[in-house]
Amino acid sequence: MSFVARPRRVRLFAGLGAVVLFALFAVAGVFLRESDTGTNFRLSDQVAMFGIGIMLALGALWFTRPRVRADRDGVEVRNMLGSRRYPWTDIERVSFPDGSPWARLELPRDEYVPVLAIQAMDGERAVTAMRELRRVRREASESGESSESAGHGSGE
């Protein structure tokens, strides 16, 4: 009983964007020496263009980082800047509010954690991911209740 989800369209667009950015800067780096602007470009300038292309491509690929992983013990949410694990007991609800671009975990005291791995732009795939995440949560709570009742019945 486990579940893992990652955004699909964002990963596709970020991958394509990374390739385009690198290609543009690579082409600019190759043809940089042959400029009629009157400036002198050196090999170091060409290498720098490749480096800038790599850095921008890596920046675009950063958007492929979000992931959600759930099991019977809780859910791990990895967004853009960090990753954190939440036990099911800390989560009041798993929701996808109307008009929201992504799902979220509702925590106590009106706090929430965005789940960037389940995005509205993924359409039916996001609906399926929400169903699976809710299924894992339901199964975890049912197995928790059955182990508690078994513990109470044995005189512990």
Protein backbone atom coordinates (compact mmCIF):
# COMPACT_ATOMS: atom_id res chain seq x y z
CA MET A 1 0.00 0.00 0.00
CA SER A 2 2.08 2.88 -1.28
CA PHE A 3 1.67 5.65 -3.79
CA VAL A 4 4.04 7.98 -5.67
CA ALA A 5 3.03 10.86 -7.95
CA ARG A 6 4.90 13.48 -9.94
CA PRO A 7 3.51 16.18 -12.22
CA ARG A 8 3.45 15.18 -15.87
CA ARG A 9 2.94 18.29 -17.98
CA VAL A 10 5.29 20.45 -15.96
CA ARG A 11 7.99 17.80 -16.36
CA LEU A 12 7.38 17.72 -20.12
CA PHE A 13 7.45 21.51 -20.52
CA ALA A 14 10.46 21.90 -18.22
CA GLY A 15 12.38 19.24 -20.13
CA LEU A 16 11.61 20.83 -23.47
CA GLY A 17 12.45 24.26 -22.09
CA ALA A 18 15.79 23.00 -20.78
CA VAL A 19 16.69 21.55 -24.18
CA VAL A 20 15.69 24.76 -26.00
CA LEU A 21 17.58 27.00 -23.57
CA PHE A 22 20.74 24.94 -23.81
CA ALA A 23 20.50 24.72 -27.60
CA LEU A 24 20.04 28.49 -27.97
CA PHE A 25 23.01 29.31 -25.80
CA ALA A 26 25.14 26.58 -27.41
CA VAL A 27 24.41 27.96 -30.89
CA ALA A 28 25.10 31.49 -29.67
CA GLY A 29 28.38 30.28 -28.17
CA VAL A 30 29.47 28.61 -31.38
CA PHE A 31 28.72 31.61 -33.57
CA LEU A 32 29.81 34.26 -31.06
CA ARG A 33 33.26 34.73 -32.61
CA GLU A 34 31.85 35.49 -36.03
CA SER A 35 30.11 38.72 -35.11
CA ASP A 36 30.23 41.90 -37.18
CA THR A 37 29.50 44.16 -34.22
CA GLY A 38 33.09 45.25 -33.79
CA THR A 39 33.62 43.51 -30.44
CA ASN A 40 36.19 40.83 -29.82
CA PHE A 41 34.83 37.60 -28.38
CA ARG A 42 37.28 35.04 -27.10
CA LEU A 43 37.11 31.35 -26.34
CA SER A 44 36.30 32.18 -22.71
CA ASP A 45 33.21 34.09 -23.88
CA GLN A 46 32.08 31.09 -25.89
CA VAL A 47 32.61 28.76 -22.94
CA ALA A 48 30.66 31.19 -20.73
CA MET A 49 27.71 31.03 -23.15
CA PHE A 50 27.69 27.23 -22.83
CA GLY A 51 27.87 27.61 -19.03
CA ILE A 52 24.95 30.05 -18.98
CA GLY A 53 22.94 27.64 -21.13
CA ILE A 54 23.67 24.79 -18.74
CA MET A 55 22.70 26.88 -15.70
CA LEU A 56 19.42 28.01 -17.28
CA ALA A 57 18.62 24.45 -18.38
CA LEU A 58 19.22 23.21 -14.84
CA GLY A 59 16.97 26.00 -13.56
CA ALA A 60 14.22 24.83 -15.90
CA LEU A 61 14.71 21.22 -14.76
CA TRP A 62 14.26 22.34 -11.14
CA PHE A 63 10.52 22.43 -11.87
CA THR A 64 10.59 18.64 -12.32
CA ARG A 65 11.48 18.16 -8.63
CA PRO A 66 8.01 17.94 -6.97
CA ARG A 67 6.91 14.51 -5.81
CA VAL A 68 4.49 13.06 -3.29
CA ARG A 69 5.04 9.64 -1.74
CA ALA A 70 2.49 8.09 0.61
CA ASP A 71 2.38 4.85 2.56
CA ARG A 72 0.63 3.51 5.66
CA ASP A 73 2.82 5.63 7.97
CA GLY A 74 2.29 9.01 6.30
CA VAL A 75 3.03 11.17 3.32
CA GLU A 76 6.25 12.76 2.11
CA VAL A 77 5.86 15.96 0.11
CA ARG A 78 8.82 17.16 -1.93
CA ASN A 79 8.23 20.61 -3.39
CA MET A 80 10.63 23.10 -4.96
CA LEU A 81 12.71 23.97 -1.91
CA GLY A 82 12.50 21.02 0.39
CA SER A 83 10.99 17.76 1.45
CA ARG A 84 9.03 16.91 4.55
CA ARG A 85 7.25 13.86 5.88
CA TYR A 86 3.91 14.11 7.68
CA PRO A 87 2.31 11.28 9.65
CA TRP A 88 -1.34 10.66 8.80
CA THR A 89 -2.28 11.69 12.34
CA ASP A 90 -1.12 15.26 11.57
CA ILE A 91 -3.21 15.52 8.39
CA GLU A 92 -6.84 16.49 8.76
CA ARG A 93 -7.72 16.29 5.09
CA VAL A 94 -6.33 15.88 1.57
CA SER A 95 -7.99 18.47 -0.65
CA PHE A 96 -7.96 20.08 -4.07
CA PRO A 97 -9.81 23.40 -3.66
CA ASP A 98 -11.76 24.81 -6.62
CA GLY A 99 -9.57 27.01 -8.77
CA SER A 100 -6.37 25.89 -7.07
CA PRO A 101 -3.45 24.93 -9.32
CA TRP A 102 -2.46 22.01 -7.08
CA ALA A 103 -3.58 19.77 -4.23
CA ARG A 104 -2.83 20.35 -0.58
CA LEU A 105 -2.64 18.65 2.78
CA GLU A 106 -4.84 20.33 5.38
CA LEU A 107 -3.12 20.50 8.76
CA PRO A 108 -4.45 21.58 12.18
CA ARG A 109 -4.96 25.28 12.98
CA ASP A 110 -5.90 26.24 9.39
CA GLU A 111 -2.43 25.45 8.05
CA TYR A 112 -1.82 23.59 4.83
CA VAL A 113 1.01 22.21 2.71
CA PRO A 114 0.83 22.59 -1.08
CA VAL A 115 1.37 19.34 -2.99
CA LEU A 116 2.94 20.54 -6.23
CA ALA A 117 3.19 16.96 -7.50
CA ILE A 118 -0.59 16.84 -8.12
CA GLN A 119 -1.41 19.71 -10.47
CA ALA A 120 -4.68 20.74 -12.09
CA MET A 121 -3.06 21.06 -15.50
CA ASP A 122 -2.56 17.27 -15.50
CA GLY A 123 -6.34 16.83 -15.77
CA GLU A 124 -7.54 13.25 -15.34
CA ARG A 125 -4.12 12.16 -14.12
CA ALA A 126 -4.49 14.59 -11.17
CA VAL A 127 -7.94 13.18 -10.39
CA THR A 128 -6.51 9.66 -10.36
CA ALA A 129 -3.61 10.77 -8.15
CA MET A 130 -6.02 12.35 -5.66
CA ARG A 131 -8.10 9.16 -5.55
CA GLU A 132 -5.00 7.06 -4.93
CA LEU A 133 -3.68 9.40 -2.23
CA ARG A 134 -7.06 9.33 -0.48
CA ARG A 135 -7.19 5.52 -0.83
CA VAL A 136 -3.79 5.16 0.86
CA ARG A 137 -4.90 7.50 3.65
CA ARG A 138 -8.16 5.58 4.13
CA GLU A 139 -6.34 2.22 4.22
CA ALA A 140 -3.78 3.60 6.66
CA SER A 141 -6.49 4.85 9.00
CA GLU A 142 -8.38 1.55 8.76
CA SER A 143 -5.26 -0.48 9.54
CA GLY A 144 -4.47 1.90 12.42
CA GLU A 145 -7.95 1.44 13.87
CA SER A 146 -7.82 -2.35 13.56
CA SER A 147 -4.41 -2.55 15.29
CA GLU A 148 -5.68 -0.28 18.09
CA SER A 149 -8.80 -2.38 18.60
CA ALA A 150 -6.70 -5.53 18.57
CA GLY A 151 -4.44 -4.01 21.23
CA HIS A 152 -7.41 -3.11 23.45
CA GLY A 153 -8.93 -6.54 23.10
CA SER A 154 -5.79 -8.31 24.32
CA GLY A 155 -5.80 -6.54 27.67
CA GLU A 156 -2.91 -4.16 26.98
